[in-house]
PDB file of N, CA and C in Angstrom:
ATOM      1  N   UNK A   1     -63.246 -33.939  37.197  1.00  0.00           N
ATOM      2  CA  UNK A   1     -62.003 -34.629  36.943  1.00  0.00           C
ATOM      3  C   UNK A   1     -61.630 -35.424  38.198  1.00  0.00           C
ATOM      4  N   UNK A   2     -61.284 -36.666  38.004  1.00  0.00           N
ATOM      5  CA  UNK A   2     -60.832 -37.518  39.093  1.00  0.00           C
ATOM      6  C   UNK A   2     -59.374 -37.213  39.387  1.00  0.00           C
ATOM      7  N   UNK A   3     -59.039 -37.154  40.684  1.00  0.00           N
ATOM      8  CA  UNK A   3     -57.657 -36.900  41.067  1.00  0.00           C
ATOM      9  C   UNK A   3     -57.071 -38.131  41.733  1.00  0.00           C
ATOM     10  N   UNK A   4     -55.785 -38.371  41.504  1.00  0.00           N
ATOM     11  CA  UNK A   4     -55.081 -39.513  42.049  1.00  0.00           C
ATOM     12  C   UNK A   4     -53.843 -39.023  42.788  1.00  0.00           C
ATOM     13  N   UNK A   5     -53.584 -39.592  43.956  1.00  0.00           N
ATOM     14  CA  UNK A   5     -52.417 -39.215  44.741  1.00  0.00           C
ATOM     15  C   UNK A   5     -51.375 -40.319  44.652  1.00  0.00           C
ATOM     16  N   UNK A   6     -50.110 -39.956  44.520  1.00  0.00           N
ATOM     17  CA  UNK A   6     -49.022 -40.921  44.524  1.00  0.00           C
ATOM     18  C   UNK A   6     -47.793 -40.297  45.157  1.00  0.00           C
ATOM     19  N   UNK A   7     -46.922 -41.148  45.676  1.00  0.00           N
ATOM     20  CA  UNK A   7     -45.713 -40.670  46.344  1.00  0.00           C
ATOM     21  C   UNK A   7     -44.695 -40.184  45.334  1.00  0.00           C
ATOM     22  N   UNK A   8     -43.977 -39.156  45.717  1.00  0.00           N
ATOM     23  CA  UNK A   8     -42.958 -38.596  44.825  1.00  0.00           C
ATOM     24  C   UNK A   8     -41.917 -37.848  45.650  1.00  0.00           C
ATOM     25  N   UNK A   9     -40.755 -37.670  45.050  1.00  0.00           N
ATOM     26  CA  UNK A   9     -39.712 -36.827  45.625  1.00  0.00           C
ATOM     27  C   UNK A   9     -39.610 -35.590  44.753  1.00  0.00           C
ATOM     28  N   UNK A  10     -39.787 -34.440  45.370  1.00  0.00           N
ATOM     29  CA  UNK A  10     -39.716 -33.166  44.656  1.00  0.00           C
ATOM     30  C   UNK A  10     -38.575 -32.345  45.232  1.00  0.00           C
ATOM     31  N   UNK A  11     -38.111 -31.408  44.458  1.00  0.00           N
ATOM     32  CA  UNK A  11     -37.120 -30.464  44.950  1.00  0.00           C
ATOM     33  C   UNK A  11     -37.783 -29.103  45.057  1.00  0.00           C
ATOM     34  N   UNK A  12     -37.622 -28.480  46.199  1.00  0.00           N
ATOM     35  CA  UNK A  12     -38.198 -27.164  46.446  1.00  0.00           C
ATOM     36  C   UNK A  12     -37.101 -26.117  46.300  1.00  0.00           C
ATOM     37  N   UNK A  13     -37.460 -25.016  45.689  1.00  0.00           N
ATOM     38  CA  UNK A  13     -36.497 -23.960  45.403  1.00  0.00           C
ATOM     39  C   UNK A  13     -36.968 -22.642  46.001  1.00  0.00           C
ATOM     40  N   UNK A  14     -36.015 -21.804  46.342  1.00  0.00           N
ATOM     41  CA  UNK A  14     -36.307 -20.481  46.881  1.00  0.00           C
ATOM     42  C   UNK A  14     -35.856 -19.464  45.846  1.00  0.00           C
ATOM     43  N   UNK A  15     -36.807 -18.656  45.378  1.00  0.00           N
ATOM     44  CA  UNK A  15     -36.470 -17.583  44.452  1.00  0.00           C
ATOM     45  C   UNK A  15     -36.058 -16.366  45.250  1.00  0.00           C
ATOM     46  N   UNK A  16     -34.911 -15.809  44.945  1.00  0.00           N
ATOM     47  CA  UNK A  16     -34.444 -14.617  45.653  1.00  0.00           C
ATOM     48  C   UNK A  16     -35.430 -13.481  45.443  1.00  0.00           C
ATOM     49  N   UNK A  17     -35.896 -12.945  46.540  1.00  0.00           N
ATOM     50  CA  UNK A  17     -36.777 -11.784  46.480  1.00  0.00           C
ATOM     51  C   UNK A  17     -38.240 -12.103  46.265  1.00  0.00           C
ATOM     52  N   UNK A  18     -38.585 -13.282  45.761  1.00  0.00           N
ATOM     53  CA  UNK A  18     -39.980 -13.581  45.456  1.00  0.00           C
ATOM     54  C   UNK A  18     -40.830 -13.593  46.722  1.00  0.00           C
ATOM     55  N   UNK A  19     -40.438 -14.387  47.690  1.00  0.00           N
ATOM     56  CA  UNK A  19     -41.151 -14.442  48.961  1.00  0.00           C
ATOM     57  C   UNK A  19     -40.201 -14.149  50.109  1.00  0.00           C
ATOM     58  N   UNK A  20     -39.046 -13.614  49.794  1.00  0.00           N
ATOM     59  CA  UNK A  20     -38.034 -13.229  50.780  1.00  0.00           C
ATOM     60  C   UNK A  20     -37.620 -14.406  51.662  1.00  0.00           C
ATOM     61  N   UNK A  21     -37.599 -15.604  51.090  1.00  0.00           N
ATOM     62  CA  UNK A  21     -37.159 -16.774  51.834  1.00  0.00           C
ATOM     63  C   UNK A  21     -38.199 -17.356  52.769  1.00  0.00           C
ATOM     64  N   UNK A  22     -39.421 -16.875  52.685  1.00  0.00           N
ATOM     65  CA  UNK A  22     -40.478 -17.366  53.558  1.00  0.00           C
ATOM     66  C   UNK A  22     -41.101 -18.656  53.027  1.00  0.00           C
ATOM     67  N   UNK A  23     -40.977 -18.895  51.723  1.00  0.00           N
ATOM     68  CA  UNK A  23     -41.609 -20.036  51.084  1.00  0.00           C
ATOM     69  C   UNK A  23     -40.628 -20.736  50.160  1.00  0.00           C
ATOM     70  N   UNK A  24     -40.644 -22.060  50.193  1.00  0.00           N
ATOM     71  CA  UNK A  24     -39.885 -22.861  49.229  1.00  0.00           C
ATOM     72  C   UNK A  24     -40.904 -23.441  48.252  1.00  0.00           C
ATOM     73  N   UNK A  25     -40.734 -23.154  46.980  1.00  0.00           N
ATOM     74  CA  UNK A  25     -41.716 -23.533  45.974  1.00  0.00           C
ATOM     75  C   UNK A  25     -41.373 -24.868  45.334  1.00  0.00           C
ATOM     76  N   UNK A  26     -42.409 -25.658  45.024  1.00  0.00           N
ATOM     77  CA  UNK A  26     -42.235 -26.951  44.362  1.00  0.00           C
ATOM     78  C   UNK A  26     -42.823 -26.893  42.962  1.00  0.00           C
ATOM     79  N   UNK A  27     -42.466 -27.876  42.146  1.00  0.00           N
ATOM     80  CA  UNK A  27     -42.922 -27.902  40.760  1.00  0.00           C
ATOM     81  C   UNK A  27     -44.231 -28.657  40.585  1.00  0.00           C
ATOM     82  N   UNK A  28     -44.701 -29.330  41.626  1.00  0.00           N
ATOM     83  CA  UNK A  28     -45.973 -30.044  41.569  1.00  0.00           C
ATOM     84  C   UNK A  28     -46.761 -29.717  42.833  1.00  0.00           C
ATOM     85  N   UNK A  29     -48.060 -29.935  42.768  1.00  0.00           N
ATOM     86  CA  UNK A  29     -48.921 -29.647  43.908  1.00  0.00           C
ATOM     87  C   UNK A  29     -48.770 -30.725  44.975  1.00  0.00           C
ATOM     88  N   UNK A  30     -48.471 -30.303  46.189  1.00  0.00           N
ATOM     89  CA  UNK A  30     -48.263 -31.222  47.299  1.00  0.00           C
ATOM     90  C   UNK A  30     -49.597 -31.527  47.962  1.00  0.00           C
ATOM     91  N   UNK A  31     -49.821 -32.790  48.233  1.00  0.00           N
ATOM     92  CA  UNK A  31     -51.029 -33.201  48.948  1.00  0.00           C
ATOM     93  C   UNK A  31     -50.731 -33.429  50.424  1.00  0.00           C
ATOM     94  N   UNK A  32     -49.606 -34.054  50.713  1.00  0.00           N
ATOM     95  CA  UNK A  32     -49.253 -34.421  52.080  1.00  0.00           C
ATOM     96  C   UNK A  32     -47.730 -34.447  52.194  1.00  0.00           C
ATOM     97  N   UNK A  33     -47.188 -33.818  53.214  1.00  0.00           N
ATOM     98  CA  UNK A  33     -45.741 -33.762  53.409  1.00  0.00           C
ATOM     99  C   UNK A  33     -45.283 -34.928  54.279  1.00  0.00           C
ATOM    100  N   UNK A  34     -44.321 -35.719  53.782  1.00  0.00           N
ATOM    101  CA  UNK A  34     -43.801 -36.850  54.542  1.00  0.00           C
ATOM    102  C   UNK A  34     -42.416 -36.556  55.117  1.00  0.00           C
ATOM    103  N   UNK A  35     -41.487 -36.118  54.281  1.00  0.00           N
ATOM    104  CA  UNK A  35     -40.124 -35.840  54.730  1.00  0.00           C
ATOM    105  C   UNK A  35     -39.624 -34.556  54.087  1.00  0.00           C
ATOM    106  N   UNK A  36     -38.742 -33.861  54.815  1.00  0.00           N
ATOM    107  CA  UNK A  36     -38.110 -32.647  54.306  1.00  0.00           C
ATOM    108  C   UNK A  36     -36.627 -32.721  54.607  1.00  0.00           C
ATOM    109  N   UNK A  37     -35.808 -32.519  53.572  1.00  0.00           N
ATOM    110  CA  UNK A  37     -34.355 -32.540  53.697  1.00  0.00           C
ATOM    111  C   UNK A  37     -33.803 -31.194  53.237  1.00  0.00           C
ATOM    112  N   UNK A  38     -32.711 -30.765  53.867  1.00  0.00           N
ATOM    113  CA  UNK A  38     -31.959 -29.595  53.413  1.00  0.00           C
ATOM    114  C   UNK A  38     -30.536 -30.067  53.156  1.00  0.00           C
ATOM    115  N   UNK A  39     -30.114 -30.010  51.895  1.00  0.00           N
ATOM    116  CA  UNK A  39     -28.791 -30.521  51.500  1.00  0.00           C
ATOM    117  C   UNK A  39     -28.577 -31.949  52.014  1.00  0.00           C
ATOM    118  N   UNK A  40     -29.563 -32.807  51.830  1.00  0.00           N
ATOM    119  CA  UNK A  40     -29.543 -34.228  52.207  1.00  0.00           C
ATOM    120  C   UNK A  40     -29.485 -34.474  53.713  1.00  0.00           C
ATOM    121  N   UNK A  41     -29.788 -33.487  54.524  1.00  0.00           N
ATOM    122  CA  UNK A  41     -29.883 -33.657  55.978  1.00  0.00           C
ATOM    123  C   UNK A  41     -31.362 -33.666  56.339  1.00  0.00           C
ATOM    124  N   UNK A  42     -31.806 -34.719  57.027  1.00  0.00           N
ATOM    125  CA  UNK A  42     -33.212 -34.851  57.390  1.00  0.00           C
ATOM    126  C   UNK A  42     -33.608 -33.780  58.408  1.00  0.00           C
ATOM    127  N   UNK A  43     -34.599 -32.975  58.042  1.00  0.00           N
ATOM    128  CA  UNK A  43     -35.126 -31.963  58.941  1.00  0.00           C
ATOM    129  C   UNK A  43     -36.413 -32.420  59.606  1.00  0.00           C
ATOM    130  N   UNK A  44     -37.271 -33.093  58.819  1.00  0.00           N
ATOM    131  CA  UNK A  44     -38.592 -33.445  59.297  1.00  0.00           C
ATOM    132  C   UNK A  44     -39.051 -34.750  58.658  1.00  0.00           C
ATOM    133  N   UNK A  45     -39.623 -35.629  59.465  1.00  0.00           N
ATOM    134  CA  UNK A  45     -40.217 -36.888  58.989  1.00  0.00           C
ATOM    135  C   UNK A  45     -41.539 -37.043  59.720  1.00  0.00           C
ATOM    136  N   UNK A  46     -42.641 -36.759  59.040  1.00  0.00           N
ATOM    137  CA  UNK A  46     -43.949 -36.788  59.691  1.00  0.00           C
ATOM    138  C   UNK A  46     -44.472 -38.201  59.896  1.00  0.00           C
ATOM    139  N   UNK A  47     -44.014 -39.159  59.127  1.00  0.00           N
ATOM    140  CA  UNK A  47     -44.470 -40.542  59.279  1.00  0.00           C
ATOM    141  C   UNK A  47     -43.881 -41.167  60.543  1.00  0.00           C
ATOM    142  N   UNK A  48     -42.582 -41.002  60.748  1.00  0.00           N
ATOM    143  CA  UNK A  48     -41.896 -41.569  61.913  1.00  0.00           C
ATOM    144  C   UNK A  48     -41.775 -40.587  63.075  1.00  0.00           C
ATOM    145  N   UNK A  49     -42.421 -39.441  62.946  1.00  0.00           N
ATOM    146  CA  UNK A  49     -42.447 -38.407  63.980  1.00  0.00           C
ATOM    147  C   UNK A  49     -41.049 -37.965  64.416  1.00  0.00           C
ATOM    148  N   UNK A  50     -40.202 -37.667  63.442  1.00  0.00           N
ATOM    149  CA  UNK A  50     -38.863 -37.144  63.692  1.00  0.00           C
ATOM    150  C   UNK A  50     -38.862 -35.665  63.329  1.00  0.00           C
ATOM    151  N   UNK A  51     -38.461 -34.829  64.273  1.00  0.00           N
ATOM    152  CA  UNK A  51     -38.409 -33.395  64.031  1.00  0.00           C
ATOM    153  C   UNK A  51     -37.048 -32.871  64.483  1.00  0.00           C
ATOM    154  N   UNK A  52     -36.124 -32.744  63.532  1.00  0.00           N
ATOM    155  CA  UNK A  52     -34.791 -32.227  63.814  1.00  0.00           C
ATOM    156  C   UNK A  52     -34.699 -30.729  63.578  1.00  0.00           C
ATOM    157  N   UNK A  53     -35.821 -30.086  63.294  1.00  0.00           N
ATOM    158  CA  UNK A  53     -35.809 -28.689  62.890  1.00  0.00           C
ATOM    159  C   UNK A  53     -36.540 -27.786  63.880  1.00  0.00           C
ATOM    160  N   UNK A  54     -37.549 -28.326  64.549  1.00  0.00           N
ATOM    161  CA  UNK A  54     -38.342 -27.608  65.546  1.00  0.00           C
ATOM    162  C   UNK A  54     -39.130 -26.430  64.986  1.00  0.00           C
ATOM    163  N   UNK A  55     -39.466 -26.478  63.714  1.00  0.00           N
ATOM    164  CA  UNK A  55     -40.343 -25.474  63.112  1.00  0.00           C
ATOM    165  C   UNK A  55     -41.602 -26.165  62.614  1.00  0.00           C
ATOM    166  N   UNK A  56     -42.722 -25.472  62.705  1.00  0.00           N
ATOM    167  CA  UNK A  56     -44.001 -25.993  62.240  1.00  0.00           C
ATOM    168  C   UNK A  56     -44.107 -25.740  60.733  1.00  0.00           C
ATOM    169  N   UNK A  57     -43.833 -26.777  59.946  1.00  0.00           N
ATOM    170  CA  UNK A  57     -43.848 -26.658  58.487  1.00  0.00           C
ATOM    171  C   UNK A  57     -45.242 -26.991  57.976  1.00  0.00           C
ATOM    172  N   UNK A  58     -45.738 -26.167  57.069  1.00  0.00           N
ATOM    173  CA  UNK A  58     -47.052 -26.398  56.488  1.00  0.00           C
ATOM    174  C   UNK A  58     -47.007 -26.218  54.978  1.00  0.00           C
ATOM    175  N   UNK A  59     -47.990 -26.782  54.323  1.00  0.00           N
ATOM    176  CA  UNK A  59     -48.129 -26.642  52.874  1.00  0.00           C
ATOM    177  C   UNK A  59     -48.838 -25.315  52.604  1.00  0.00           C
ATOM    178  N   UNK A  60     -48.399 -24.597  51.587  1.00  0.00           N
ATOM    179  CA  UNK A  60     -49.020 -23.317  51.254  1.00  0.00           C
ATOM    180  C   UNK A  60     -50.458 -23.527  50.797  1.00  0.00           C
ATOM    181  N   UNK A  61     -51.227 -22.465  50.767  1.00  0.00           N
ATOM    182  CA  UNK A  61     -52.635 -22.575  50.380  1.00  0.00           C
ATOM    183  C   UNK A  61     -52.812 -23.041  48.946  1.00  0.00           C
ATOM    184  N   UNK A  62     -51.884 -22.718  48.073  1.00  0.00           N
ATOM    185  CA  UNK A  62     -51.969 -23.178  46.690  1.00  0.00           C
ATOM    186  C   UNK A  62     -51.525 -24.625  46.546  1.00  0.00           C
ATOM    187  N   UNK A  63     -50.722 -25.114  47.501  1.00  0.00           N
ATOM    188  CA  UNK A  63     -50.207 -26.480  47.439  1.00  0.00           C
ATOM    189  C   UNK A  63     -48.899 -26.592  46.669  1.00  0.00           C
ATOM    190  N   UNK A  64     -48.403 -25.499  46.121  1.00  0.00           N
ATOM    191  CA  UNK A  64     -47.181 -25.513  45.314  1.00  0.00           C
ATOM    192  C   UNK A  64     -45.969 -25.012  46.099  1.00  0.00           C
ATOM    193  N   UNK A  65     -45.957 -25.257  47.393  1.00  0.00           N
ATOM    194  CA  UNK A  65     -44.820 -24.845  48.194  1.00  0.00           C
ATOM    195  C   UNK A  65     -45.014 -25.206  49.661  1.00  0.00           C
ATOM    196  N   UNK A  66     -43.963 -24.962  50.427  1.00  0.00           N
ATOM    197  CA  UNK A  66     -44.006 -25.179  51.870  1.00  0.00           C
ATOM    198  C   UNK A  66     -43.521 -23.916  52.559  1.00  0.00           C
ATOM    199  N   UNK A  67     -43.979 -23.711  53.777  1.00  0.00           N
ATOM    200  CA  UNK A  67     -43.569 -22.545  54.562  1.00  0.00           C
ATOM    201  C   UNK A  67     -43.601 -22.908  56.041  1.00  0.00           C
ATOM    202  N   UNK A  68     -43.014 -22.055  56.852  1.00  0.00           N
ATOM    203  CA  UNK A  68     -43.019 -22.244  58.294  1.00  0.00           C
ATOM    204  C   UNK A  68     -44.163 -21.414  58.871  1.00  0.00           C
ATOM    205  N   UNK A  69     -44.980 -22.052  59.697  1.00  0.00           N
ATOM    206  CA  UNK A  69     -46.075 -21.363  60.368  1.00  0.00           C
ATOM    207  C   UNK A  69     -45.488 -20.575  61.535  1.00  0.00           C
ATOM    208  N   UNK A  70     -45.550 -19.274  61.453  1.00  0.00           N
ATOM    209  CA  UNK A  70     -44.943 -18.404  62.470  1.00  0.00           C
ATOM    210  C   UNK A  70     -45.935 -17.977  63.550  1.00  0.00           C
ATOM    211  N   UNK A  71     -47.164 -18.427  63.487  1.00  0.00           N
ATOM    212  CA  UNK A  71     -48.204 -17.961  64.404  1.00  0.00           C
ATOM    213  C   UNK A  71     -47.855 -18.228  65.871  1.00  0.00           C
ATOM    214  N   UNK A  72     -47.257 -19.365  66.169  1.00  0.00           N
ATOM    215  CA  UNK A  72     -46.943 -19.713  67.548  1.00  0.00           C
ATOM    216  C   UNK A  72     -45.523 -19.363  67.966  1.00  0.00           C
ATOM    217  N   UNK A  73     -44.799 -18.663  67.121  1.00  0.00           N
ATOM    218  CA  UNK A  73     -43.406 -18.339  67.424  1.00  0.00           C
ATOM    219  C   UNK A  73     -43.308 -16.971  68.096  1.00  0.00           C
ATOM    220  N   UNK A  74     -42.306 -16.809  68.925  1.00  0.00           N
ATOM    221  CA  UNK A  74     -42.063 -15.535  69.593  1.00  0.00           C
ATOM    222  C   UNK A  74     -41.353 -14.581  68.647  1.00  0.00           C
ATOM    223  N   UNK A  75     -41.600 -13.297  68.795  1.00  0.00           N
ATOM    224  CA  UNK A  75     -40.886 -12.340  67.945  1.00  0.00           C
ATOM    225  C   UNK A  75     -39.566 -11.933  68.606  1.00  0.00           C
ATOM    226  N   UNK A  76     -38.770 -11.177  67.896  1.00  0.00           N
ATOM    227  CA  UNK A  76     -37.432 -10.788  68.370  1.00  0.00           C
ATOM    228  C   UNK A  76     -37.466 -10.003  69.679  1.00  0.00           C
ATOM    229  N   UNK A  77     -38.531  -9.249  69.925  1.00  0.00           N
ATOM    230  CA  UNK A  77     -38.625  -8.426  71.130  1.00  0.00           C
ATOM    231  C   UNK A  77     -38.567  -9.282  72.390  1.00  0.00           C
ATOM    232  N   UNK A  78     -39.240 -10.423  72.387  1.00  0.00           N
ATOM    233  CA  UNK A  78     -39.257 -11.311  73.548  1.00  0.00           C
ATOM    234  C   UNK A  78     -37.861 -11.840  73.836  1.00  0.00           C
ATOM    235  N   UNK A  79     -37.138 -12.241  72.788  1.00  0.00           N
ATOM    236  CA  UNK A  79     -35.785 -12.763  72.968  1.00  0.00           C
ATOM    237  C   UNK A  79     -34.839 -11.681  73.480  1.00  0.00           C
ATOM    238  N   UNK A  80     -34.889 -10.499  72.891  1.00  0.00           N
ATOM    239  CA  UNK A  80     -33.994  -9.409  73.265  1.00  0.00           C
ATOM    240  C   UNK A  80     -34.263  -8.953  74.702  1.00  0.00           C
ATOM    241  N   UNK A  81     -35.528  -8.878  75.098  1.00  0.00           N
ATOM    242  CA  UNK A  81     -35.891  -8.454  76.448  1.00  0.00           C
ATOM    243  C   UNK A  81     -35.360  -9.423  77.504  1.00  0.00           C
ATOM    244  N   UNK A  82     -35.208 -10.679  77.147  1.00  0.00           N
ATOM    245  CA  UNK A  82     -34.701 -11.684  78.078  1.00  0.00           C
ATOM    246  C   UNK A  82     -33.206 -11.938  77.914  1.00  0.00           C
ATOM    247  N   UNK A  83     -32.518 -11.082  77.152  1.00  0.00           N
ATOM    248  CA  UNK A  83     -31.074 -11.183  77.000  1.00  0.00           C
ATOM    249  C   UNK A  83     -30.623 -12.332  76.115  1.00  0.00           C
ATOM    250  N   UNK A  84     -31.488 -12.840  75.262  1.00  0.00           N
ATOM    251  CA  UNK A  84     -31.142 -13.958  74.375  1.00  0.00           C
ATOM    252  C   UNK A  84     -30.978 -13.456  72.943  1.00  0.00           C
ATOM    253  N   UNK A  85     -30.312 -14.255  72.134  1.00  0.00           N
ATOM    254  CA  UNK A  85     -30.147 -13.949  70.722  1.00  0.00           C
ATOM    255  C   UNK A  85     -31.348 -14.511  69.970  1.00  0.00           C
ATOM    256  N   UNK A  86     -32.045 -13.676  69.203  1.00  0.00           N
ATOM    257  CA  UNK A  86     -33.209 -14.174  68.455  1.00  0.00           C
ATOM    258  C   UNK A  86     -32.795 -15.223  67.428  1.00  0.00           C
ATOM    259  N   UNK A  87     -33.642 -16.245  67.200  1.00  0.00           N
ATOM    260  CA  UNK A  87     -33.331 -17.232  66.171  1.00  0.00           C
ATOM    261  C   UNK A  87     -33.473 -16.634  64.782  1.00  0.00           C
ATOM    262  N   UNK A  88     -32.857 -17.277  63.801  1.00  0.00           N
ATOM    263  CA  UNK A  88     -32.871 -16.755  62.435  1.00  0.00           C
ATOM    264  C   UNK A  88     -34.254 -16.772  61.812  1.00  0.00           C
ATOM    265  N   UNK A  89     -35.222 -17.495  62.396  1.00  0.00           N
ATOM    266  CA  UNK A  89     -36.581 -17.540  61.846  1.00  0.00           C
ATOM    267  C   UNK A  89     -37.202 -16.150  61.820  1.00  0.00           C
ATOM    268  N   UNK A  90     -36.790 -15.271  62.727  1.00  0.00           N
ATOM    269  CA  UNK A  90     -37.360 -13.932  62.793  1.00  0.00           C
ATOM    270  C   UNK A  90     -36.620 -12.924  61.921  1.00  0.00           C
ATOM    271  N   UNK A  91     -35.562 -13.341  61.257  1.00  0.00           N
ATOM    272  CA  UNK A  91     -34.832 -12.438  60.376  1.00  0.00           C
ATOM    273  C   UNK A  91     -35.673 -12.115  59.150  1.00  0.00           C
ATOM    274  N   UNK A  92     -35.441 -10.972  58.573  1.00  0.00           N
ATOM    275  CA  UNK A  92     -36.193 -10.589  57.376  1.00  0.00           C
ATOM    276  C   UNK A  92     -35.798 -11.432  56.169  1.00  0.00           C
ATOM    277  N   UNK A  93     -34.665 -12.125  56.249  1.00  0.00           N
ATOM    278  CA  UNK A  93     -34.227 -12.943  55.115  1.00  0.00           C
ATOM    279  C   UNK A  93     -35.010 -14.247  55.002  1.00  0.00           C
ATOM    280  N   UNK A  94     -35.750 -14.634  56.029  1.00  0.00           N
ATOM    281  CA  UNK A  94     -36.580 -15.826  55.967  1.00  0.00           C
ATOM    282  C   UNK A  94     -35.831 -17.085  56.366  1.00  0.00           C
ATOM    283  N   UNK A  95     -36.563 -18.152  56.529  1.00  0.00           N
ATOM    284  CA  UNK A  95     -36.004 -19.420  56.992  1.00  0.00           C
ATOM    285  C   UNK A  95     -35.399 -20.221  55.849  1.00  0.00           C
ATOM    286  N   UNK A  96     -35.995 -20.178  54.677  1.00  0.00           N
ATOM    287  CA  UNK A  96     -35.500 -20.936  53.534  1.00  0.00           C
ATOM    288  C   UNK A  96     -34.436 -20.135  52.804  1.00  0.00           C
ATOM    289  N   UNK A  97     -33.323 -20.756  52.534  1.00  0.00           N
ATOM    290  CA  UNK A  97     -32.177 -20.087  51.907  1.00  0.00           C
ATOM    291  C   UNK A  97     -32.084 -20.456  50.426  1.00  0.00           C
ATOM    292  N   UNK A  98     -31.706 -19.509  49.613  1.00  0.00           N
ATOM    293  CA  UNK A  98     -31.623 -19.751  48.174  1.00  0.00           C
ATOM    294  C   UNK A  98     -30.428 -20.618  47.805  1.00  0.00           C
ATOM    295  N   UNK A  99     -29.431 -20.735  48.682  1.00  0.00           N
ATOM    296  CA  UNK A  99     -28.255 -21.555  48.382  1.00  0.00           C
ATOM    297  C   UNK A  99     -28.385 -22.984  48.913  1.00  0.00           C
ATOM    298  N   UNK A 100     -29.568 -23.367  49.354  1.00  0.00           N
ATOM    299  CA  UNK A 100     -29.810 -24.692  49.914  1.00  0.00           C
ATOM    300  C   UNK A 100     -30.791 -25.456  49.042  1.00  0.00           C
ATOM    301  N   UNK A 101     -30.497 -26.736  48.824  1.00  0.00           N
ATOM    302  CA  UNK A 101     -31.404 -27.583  48.050  1.00  0.00           C
ATOM    303  C   UNK A 101     -32.330 -28.311  49.026  1.00  0.00           C
ATOM    304  N   UNK A 102     -33.620 -28.113  48.877  1.00  0.00           N
ATOM    305  CA  UNK A 102     -34.611 -28.761  49.725  1.00  0.00           C
ATOM    306  C   UNK A 102     -35.257 -29.908  48.959  1.00  0.00           C
ATOM    307  N   UNK A 103     -35.222 -31.087  49.570  1.00  0.00           N
ATOM    308  CA  UNK A 103     -35.845 -32.267  48.964  1.00  0.00           C
ATOM    309  C   UNK A 103     -37.081 -32.600  49.784  1.00  0.00           C
ATOM    310  N   UNK A 104     -38.205 -32.801  49.100  1.00  0.00           N
ATOM    311  CA  UNK A 104     -39.474 -33.045  49.756  1.00  0.00           C
ATOM    312  C   UNK A 104     -40.009 -34.410  49.333  1.00  0.00           C
ATOM    313  N   UNK A 105     -40.189 -35.305  50.306  1.00  0.00           N
ATOM    314  CA  UNK A 105     -40.847 -36.590  50.061  1.00  0.00           C
ATOM    315  C   UNK A 105     -42.312 -36.352  50.373  1.00  0.00           C
ATOM    316  N   UNK A 106     -43.181 -36.584  49.407  1.00  0.00           N
ATOM    317  CA  UNK A 106     -44.558 -36.165  49.547  1.00  0.00           C
ATOM    318  C   UNK A 106     -45.501 -37.034  48.733  1.00  0.00           C
ATOM    319  N   UNK A 107     -46.781 -36.819  48.930  1.00  0.00           N
ATOM    320  CA  UNK A 107     -47.782 -37.344  48.009  1.00  0.00           C
ATOM    321  C   UNK A 107     -48.240 -36.165  47.182  1.00  0.00           C
ATOM    322  N   UNK A 108     -48.283 -36.345  45.884  1.00  0.00           N
ATOM    323  CA  UNK A 108     -48.752 -35.279  45.016  1.00  0.00           C
ATOM    324  C   UNK A 108     -50.041 -35.727  44.348  1.00  0.00           C
ATOM    325  N   UNK A 109     -50.809 -34.774  43.899  1.00  0.00           N
ATOM    326  CA  UNK A 109     -52.103 -35.043  43.299  1.00  0.00           C
ATOM    327  C   UNK A 109     -52.039 -34.698  41.823  1.00  0.00           C
ATOM    328  N   UNK A 110     -52.589 -35.566  41.007  1.00  0.00           N
ATOM    329  CA  UNK A 110     -52.646 -35.325  39.573  1.00  0.00           C
ATOM    330  C   UNK A 110     -54.039 -35.638  39.053  1.00  0.00           C
ATOM    331  N   UNK A 111     -54.422 -34.996  37.981  1.00  0.00           N
ATOM    332  CA  UNK A 111     -55.708 -35.276  37.355  1.00  0.00           C
ATOM    333  C   UNK A 111     -55.651 -36.451  36.423  1.00  0.00           C
ATOM    334  N   UNK A 112     -54.447 -36.959  36.187  1.00  0.00           N
ATOM    335  CA  UNK A 112     -54.274 -38.101  35.291  1.00  0.00           C
ATOM    336  C   UNK A 112     -54.075 -39.360  36.104  1.00  0.00           C
ATOM    337  N   UNK A 113     -54.676 -40.417  35.666  1.00  0.00           N
ATOM    338  CA  UNK A 113     -54.536 -41.683  36.373  1.00  0.00           C
ATOM    339  C   UNK A 113     -53.201 -42.310  36.065  1.00  0.00           C
ATOM    340  N   UNK A 114     -52.540 -42.811  37.073  1.00  0.00           N
ATOM    341  CA  UNK A 114     -51.251 -43.473  36.933  1.00  0.00           C
ATOM    342  C   UNK A 114     -51.478 -44.975  36.998  1.00  0.00           C
ATOM    343  N   UNK A 115     -50.916 -45.704  36.068  1.00  0.00           N
ATOM    344  CA  UNK A 115     -51.052 -47.158  36.098  1.00  0.00           C
ATOM    345  C   UNK A 115     -52.317 -47.635  35.419  1.00  0.00           C
ATOM    346  N   UNK A 116     -52.767 -48.834  35.807  1.00  0.00           N
ATOM    347  CA  UNK A 116     -53.939 -49.441  35.175  1.00  0.00           C
ATOM    348  C   UNK A 116     -55.218 -48.758  35.617  1.00  0.00           C
ATOM    349  N   UNK A 117     -56.226 -48.843  34.773  1.00  0.00           N
ATOM    350  CA  UNK A 117     -57.521 -48.253  35.076  1.00  0.00           C
ATOM    351  C   UNK A 117     -58.213 -49.041  36.176  1.00  0.00           C
ATOM    352  N   UNK A 118     -58.903 -48.342  37.045  1.00  0.00           N
ATOM    353  CA  UNK A 118     -59.676 -48.993  38.087  1.00  0.00           C
ATOM    354  C   UNK A 118     -60.993 -49.446  37.485  1.00  0.00           C
ATOM    355  N   UNK A 119     -61.420 -50.640  37.822  1.00  0.00           N
ATOM    356  CA  UNK A 119     -62.660 -51.185  37.260  1.00  0.00           C
ATOM    357  C   UNK A 119     -63.765 -51.101  38.275  1.00  0.00           C
TER     358      UNK A 119
END
């Protein structure tokens, strides 16, 4: 099957308890992440290299969601030992909130051709 990529705006949702706020799920498979908004506030723009969020956002292995890569982040012990307040990324509730609407500007992949046939 031939696959075609096209730009789209998707809304990502967080199911309470499903991934404990670690993943925001989308309704279509994401190929490439361009922009991420939370309640219409720009968090990330990979095309113009704008990062207002300071988290490493990645596409899930299935492609049907986004998550924060925690591999390079410090855990709560490091913050507490240095007398600092740990960031909310280390909370068990997760980074993505169920009461927030996430808008994702992305390229999605489909098995159906969009537009005219290529010759």
